[in-house]
């Protein structure tokens, strides 16, 4: 014999409580999604800003003559590495790079 199935109609208070919980969960999900979207947008904006800055610095260094580059301690072949922070005065002492002009994208120097 099959079991008898009974359906209970929820009260108005139960419906109101469940609806309030659902609304709170939906609001939290939307807030979290917007927070993640804003963080991703910020990262993209910072990356684009850094790329534009690096391009300006690269173009400015490329426009300098050999004497000017030598005065600041870099060779023409070092420009890309200097702009992208791969080469600083401390990181490559043989180049004679000037410590006073470390690139903006360079990693912070370790404490001595």
N, C-alpha and C. Protein backbone atom coordinates (compact mmCIF):
# COMPACT_ATOMS: atom_id res chain seq x y z
N UNK A 1 0.82 -1.18 0.00
CA UNK A 1 0.00 0.00 0.00
C UNK A 1 0.87 1.25 0.00
N UNK A 2 0.54 2.19 -0.86
CA UNK A 2 1.33 3.43 -0.90
C UNK A 2 1.04 4.29 0.33
N UNK A 3 2.11 5.02 0.74
CA UNK A 3 1.95 5.93 1.88
C UNK A 3 1.12 7.12 1.46
N UNK A 4 0.36 7.58 2.37
CA UNK A 4 -0.51 8.71 2.08
C UNK A 4 0.29 10.00 2.16
N UNK A 5 0.12 10.87 1.21
CA UNK A 5 0.86 12.13 1.15
C UNK A 5 -0.07 13.25 1.55
N UNK A 6 0.43 14.07 2.48
CA UNK A 6 -0.36 15.23 2.88
C UNK A 6 0.46 16.48 2.61
N UNK A 7 -0.19 17.49 2.17
CA UNK A 7 0.46 18.76 1.86
C UNK A 7 0.05 19.77 2.90
N UNK A 8 1.07 20.44 3.49
CA UNK A 8 0.81 21.46 4.50
C UNK A 8 1.02 22.82 3.86
N UNK A 9 0.09 23.69 3.97
CA UNK A 9 0.19 25.05 3.46
C UNK A 9 0.96 25.88 4.48
N UNK A 10 2.09 26.56 4.03
CA UNK A 10 2.85 27.36 4.98
C UNK A 10 2.06 28.58 5.42
N UNK A 11 2.34 29.01 6.63
CA UNK A 11 1.64 30.18 7.17
C UNK A 11 2.20 31.45 6.53
N UNK A 12 1.51 32.53 6.74
CA UNK A 12 1.94 33.82 6.20
C UNK A 12 3.27 34.24 6.81
N UNK A 13 3.49 33.92 8.10
CA UNK A 13 4.75 34.26 8.76
C UNK A 13 5.91 33.47 8.15
N UNK A 14 5.68 32.19 7.86
CA UNK A 14 6.74 31.38 7.24
C UNK A 14 7.10 31.90 5.85
N UNK A 15 6.07 32.26 5.11
CA UNK A 15 6.30 32.80 3.76
C UNK A 15 7.08 34.11 3.86
N UNK A 16 6.73 34.96 4.80
CA UNK A 16 7.42 36.25 4.97
C UNK A 16 8.88 36.02 5.38
N UNK A 17 9.13 35.06 6.29
CA UNK A 17 10.49 34.76 6.74
C UNK A 17 11.34 34.22 5.59
N UNK A 18 10.79 33.29 4.84
CA UNK A 18 11.53 32.70 3.71
C UNK A 18 11.82 33.76 2.65
N UNK A 19 10.84 34.62 2.38
CA UNK A 19 11.03 35.69 1.40
C UNK A 19 12.10 36.67 1.87
N UNK A 20 12.10 37.01 3.14
CA UNK A 20 13.12 37.93 3.68
C UNK A 20 14.51 37.31 3.59
N UNK A 21 14.62 36.01 3.90
CA UNK A 21 15.92 35.33 3.78
C UNK A 21 16.40 35.31 2.34
N UNK A 22 15.48 35.03 1.42
CA UNK A 22 15.84 35.00 0.00
C UNK A 22 16.30 36.37 -0.47
N UNK A 23 15.62 37.41 -0.05
CA UNK A 23 16.01 38.78 -0.43
C UNK A 23 17.38 39.14 0.13
N UNK A 24 17.65 38.74 1.37
CA UNK A 24 18.95 39.02 1.98
C UNK A 24 20.06 38.27 1.25
N UNK A 25 19.82 37.01 0.91
CA UNK A 25 20.82 36.23 0.16
C UNK A 25 21.07 36.82 -1.22
N UNK A 26 20.01 37.25 -1.89
CA UNK A 26 20.15 37.86 -3.21
C UNK A 26 20.95 39.15 -3.11
N UNK A 27 20.67 39.99 -2.11
CA UNK A 27 21.39 41.25 -1.93
C UNK A 27 22.87 40.99 -1.67
N UNK A 28 23.18 39.98 -0.84
CA UNK A 28 24.57 39.64 -0.55
C UNK A 28 25.28 39.14 -1.81
N UNK A 29 24.59 38.34 -2.61
CA UNK A 29 25.20 37.82 -3.84
C UNK A 29 25.48 38.96 -4.82
N UNK A 30 24.56 39.88 -4.96
CA UNK A 30 24.75 41.03 -5.86
C UNK A 30 25.91 41.89 -5.36
N UNK A 31 25.97 42.15 -4.05
CA UNK A 31 27.05 42.95 -3.47
C UNK A 31 28.40 42.28 -3.71
N UNK A 32 28.48 40.98 -3.48
CA UNK A 32 29.75 40.26 -3.69
C UNK A 32 30.15 40.28 -5.16
N UNK A 33 29.19 40.11 -6.06
CA UNK A 33 29.49 40.15 -7.50
C UNK A 33 30.01 41.52 -7.91
N UNK A 34 29.38 42.57 -7.40
CA UNK A 34 29.84 43.93 -7.72
C UNK A 34 31.22 44.20 -7.15
N UNK A 35 31.49 43.68 -5.96
CA UNK A 35 32.80 43.86 -5.34
C UNK A 35 33.88 43.18 -6.19
N UNK A 36 33.61 41.96 -6.67
CA UNK A 36 34.57 41.26 -7.51
C UNK A 36 34.75 41.95 -8.86
N UNK A 37 33.66 42.46 -9.42
CA UNK A 37 33.74 43.18 -10.68
C UNK A 37 34.58 44.45 -10.52
N UNK A 38 34.37 45.18 -9.42
CA UNK A 38 35.13 46.41 -9.18
C UNK A 38 36.62 46.10 -9.01
N UNK A 39 36.94 45.02 -8.31
CA UNK A 39 38.35 44.65 -8.12
C UNK A 39 38.99 44.27 -9.46
N UNK A 40 38.27 43.53 -10.29
CA UNK A 40 38.80 43.16 -11.60
C UNK A 40 38.98 44.40 -12.48
N UNK A 41 38.02 45.30 -12.45
CA UNK A 41 38.11 46.52 -13.24
C UNK A 41 39.31 47.36 -12.78
N UNK A 42 39.52 47.43 -11.46
CA UNK A 42 40.65 48.18 -10.91
C UNK A 42 41.97 47.59 -11.40
N UNK A 43 42.09 46.26 -11.40
CA UNK A 43 43.31 45.61 -11.86
C UNK A 43 43.57 45.91 -13.34
N UNK A 44 42.52 45.85 -14.15
CA UNK A 44 42.68 46.15 -15.57
C UNK A 44 43.09 47.61 -15.75
N UNK A 45 42.45 48.52 -15.04
CA UNK A 45 42.78 49.94 -15.15
C UNK A 45 44.23 50.19 -14.75
N UNK A 46 44.68 49.56 -13.66
CA UNK A 46 46.07 49.73 -13.22
C UNK A 46 47.05 49.17 -14.24
N UNK A 47 46.72 48.03 -14.84
CA UNK A 47 47.60 47.43 -15.84
C UNK A 47 47.69 48.32 -17.08
N UNK A 48 46.58 48.87 -17.51
CA UNK A 48 46.59 49.76 -18.67
C UNK A 48 47.36 51.04 -18.35
N UNK A 49 47.16 51.58 -17.17
CA UNK A 49 47.89 52.79 -16.77
C UNK A 49 49.39 52.53 -16.74
N UNK A 50 49.79 51.39 -16.17
CA UNK A 50 51.22 51.06 -16.11
C UNK A 50 51.79 50.86 -17.51
N UNK A 51 51.04 50.22 -18.39
CA UNK A 51 51.52 50.00 -19.75
C UNK A 51 51.69 51.33 -20.49
N UNK A 52 50.75 52.25 -20.31
CA UNK A 52 50.87 53.56 -20.94
C UNK A 52 52.07 54.33 -20.40
N UNK A 53 52.28 54.26 -19.08
CA UNK A 53 53.43 54.92 -18.47
C UNK A 53 54.72 54.32 -19.00
N UNK A 54 54.81 52.99 -19.05
CA UNK A 54 56.00 52.33 -19.56
C UNK A 54 56.26 52.71 -21.01
N UNK A 55 55.22 52.83 -21.81
CA UNK A 55 55.39 53.22 -23.21
C UNK A 55 55.94 54.64 -23.32
N UNK A 56 55.45 55.55 -22.46
CA UNK A 56 55.97 56.93 -22.48
C UNK A 56 57.44 56.96 -22.09
N UNK A 57 57.79 56.22 -21.03
CA UNK A 57 59.19 56.19 -20.58
C UNK A 57 60.06 55.57 -21.67
N UNK A 58 59.62 54.46 -22.26
CA UNK A 58 60.37 53.78 -23.31
C UNK A 58 60.61 54.73 -24.49
N UNK A 59 59.57 55.42 -24.93
CA UNK A 59 59.71 56.34 -26.06
C UNK A 59 60.65 57.50 -25.73
N UNK A 60 60.56 57.99 -24.49
CA UNK A 60 61.44 59.08 -24.09
C UNK A 60 62.90 58.63 -24.08
N UNK A 61 63.17 57.45 -23.54
CA UNK A 61 64.53 56.93 -23.52
C UNK A 61 65.03 56.64 -24.94
N UNK A 62 64.17 56.12 -25.79
CA UNK A 62 64.57 55.83 -27.18
C UNK A 62 64.92 57.12 -27.93
N UNK A 63 64.28 58.23 -27.55
CA UNK A 63 64.55 59.49 -28.25
C UNK A 63 65.88 60.13 -27.83
N UNK A 64 66.48 59.63 -26.73
CA UNK A 64 67.75 60.19 -26.27
C UNK A 64 68.91 59.68 -27.12
N UNK A 65 69.95 60.53 -27.23
CA UNK A 65 71.13 60.07 -27.97
C UNK A 65 72.02 59.23 -27.03
N UNK A 66 73.05 58.62 -27.60
CA UNK A 66 73.92 57.71 -26.85
C UNK A 66 74.59 58.40 -25.66
N UNK A 67 74.99 59.66 -25.82
CA UNK A 67 75.65 60.38 -24.73
C UNK A 67 74.71 60.56 -23.55
N UNK A 68 73.47 60.93 -23.83
CA UNK A 68 72.50 61.13 -22.75
C UNK A 68 72.22 59.80 -22.03
N UNK A 69 72.10 58.73 -22.80
CA UNK A 69 71.87 57.43 -22.18
C UNK A 69 73.04 57.03 -21.30
N UNK A 70 74.26 57.29 -21.80
CA UNK A 70 75.45 56.95 -21.02
C UNK A 70 75.50 57.76 -19.73
N UNK A 71 75.06 59.03 -19.80
CA UNK A 71 75.05 59.88 -18.61
C UNK A 71 74.14 59.31 -17.51
N UNK A 72 73.04 58.68 -17.89
CA UNK A 72 72.15 58.11 -16.87
C UNK A 72 72.48 56.64 -16.60
N UNK A 73 73.50 56.13 -17.27
CA UNK A 73 74.01 54.81 -16.92
C UNK A 73 73.36 53.63 -17.58
N UNK A 74 72.75 53.84 -18.76
CA UNK A 74 72.18 52.69 -19.46
C UNK A 74 72.63 52.68 -20.91
N UNK A 75 72.56 51.54 -21.52
CA UNK A 75 72.83 51.39 -22.95
C UNK A 75 71.51 51.30 -23.69
N UNK A 76 71.53 51.56 -24.98
CA UNK A 76 70.31 51.49 -25.76
C UNK A 76 69.66 50.11 -25.66
N UNK A 77 70.47 49.07 -25.60
CA UNK A 77 69.93 47.72 -25.49
C UNK A 77 69.30 47.41 -24.15
N UNK A 78 69.57 48.25 -23.15
CA UNK A 78 69.02 48.03 -21.81
C UNK A 78 67.68 48.74 -21.59
N UNK A 79 67.24 49.53 -22.54
CA UNK A 79 66.06 50.38 -22.33
C UNK A 79 64.83 49.55 -21.95
N UNK A 80 64.54 48.50 -22.70
CA UNK A 80 63.34 47.71 -22.41
C UNK A 80 63.41 47.10 -21.01
N UNK A 81 64.59 46.58 -20.64
CA UNK A 81 64.73 45.98 -19.31
C UNK A 81 64.58 47.03 -18.21
N UNK A 82 65.11 48.21 -18.43
CA UNK A 82 65.00 49.28 -17.43
C UNK A 82 63.54 49.71 -17.29
N UNK A 83 62.85 49.88 -18.40
CA UNK A 83 61.46 50.33 -18.37
C UNK A 83 60.57 49.33 -17.64
N UNK A 84 60.81 48.06 -17.85
CA UNK A 84 59.95 47.03 -17.25
C UNK A 84 60.44 46.58 -15.88
N UNK A 85 61.44 47.28 -15.34
CA UNK A 85 61.88 47.00 -13.98
C UNK A 85 62.72 45.76 -13.84
N UNK A 86 63.23 45.23 -14.95
CA UNK A 86 64.04 44.03 -14.88
C UNK A 86 65.49 44.35 -14.57
N UNK A 87 65.83 45.61 -14.66
CA UNK A 87 67.22 46.00 -14.45
C UNK A 87 67.25 47.31 -13.69
N UNK A 88 67.94 47.33 -12.57
CA UNK A 88 68.11 48.55 -11.80
C UNK A 88 69.58 48.73 -11.53
N UNK A 89 69.94 49.81 -10.89
CA UNK A 89 71.35 50.08 -10.60
C UNK A 89 71.98 48.99 -9.76
N UNK A 90 71.25 48.46 -8.78
CA UNK A 90 71.80 47.42 -7.92
C UNK A 90 71.78 46.05 -8.58
N UNK A 91 70.78 45.79 -9.39
CA UNK A 91 70.62 44.45 -9.96
C UNK A 91 71.70 44.13 -10.98
N UNK A 92 72.24 45.14 -11.65
CA UNK A 92 73.25 44.88 -12.66
C UNK A 92 74.33 45.94 -12.56
N UNK A 93 75.24 45.77 -11.62
CA UNK A 93 76.26 46.77 -11.33
C UNK A 93 77.20 47.00 -12.50
N UNK A 94 77.40 45.99 -13.35
CA UNK A 94 78.36 46.15 -14.45
C UNK A 94 77.88 47.15 -15.49
N UNK A 95 76.58 47.46 -15.52
CA UNK A 95 76.08 48.43 -16.49
C UNK A 95 76.37 49.86 -16.07
N UNK A 96 76.69 50.06 -14.79
CA UNK A 96 76.96 51.41 -14.30
C UNK A 96 75.69 52.24 -14.18
N UNK A 97 74.54 51.59 -14.01
CA UNK A 97 73.27 52.30 -13.93
C UNK A 97 73.26 53.22 -12.72
N UNK A 98 72.65 54.36 -12.88
CA UNK A 98 72.55 55.35 -11.83
C UNK A 98 71.45 54.95 -10.86
N UNK A 99 71.76 54.82 -9.59
CA UNK A 99 70.78 54.38 -8.60
C UNK A 99 69.67 55.41 -8.40
N UNK A 100 69.91 56.64 -8.76
CA UNK A 100 68.91 57.68 -8.54
C UNK A 100 67.78 57.66 -9.54
N UNK A 101 67.88 56.83 -10.57
CA UNK A 101 66.83 56.82 -11.59
C UNK A 101 66.20 55.45 -11.73
N UNK A 102 65.97 54.77 -10.62
CA UNK A 102 65.34 53.45 -10.68
C UNK A 102 63.97 53.59 -11.34
N UNK A 103 63.62 52.67 -12.22
CA UNK A 103 62.34 52.76 -12.92
C UNK A 103 61.17 52.60 -11.95
N UNK A 104 60.03 53.15 -12.32
CA UNK A 104 58.85 53.12 -11.46
C UNK A 104 58.36 51.70 -11.23
N UNK A 105 58.53 50.82 -12.19
CA UNK A 105 58.02 49.46 -12.07
C UNK A 105 58.99 48.53 -11.38
N UNK A 106 60.13 49.04 -10.93
CA UNK A 106 61.14 48.17 -10.31
C UNK A 106 60.65 47.64 -8.99
N UNK A 107 61.08 46.43 -8.67
CA UNK A 107 60.72 45.82 -7.39
C UNK A 107 61.45 46.56 -6.28
N UNK A 108 60.85 46.63 -5.09
CA UNK A 108 61.53 47.31 -3.98
C UNK A 108 62.83 46.61 -3.63
N UNK A 109 63.80 47.41 -3.22
CA UNK A 109 65.10 46.86 -2.88
C UNK A 109 65.03 46.18 -1.52
N UNK A 110 65.69 45.05 -1.37
CA UNK A 110 65.69 44.37 -0.07
C UNK A 110 66.47 45.18 0.95
N UNK A 111 66.05 45.07 2.21
CA UNK A 111 66.72 45.79 3.29
C UNK A 111 68.11 45.18 3.51
N UNK A 112 69.09 46.05 3.76
CA UNK A 112 70.46 45.57 3.95
C UNK A 112 70.70 45.17 5.38
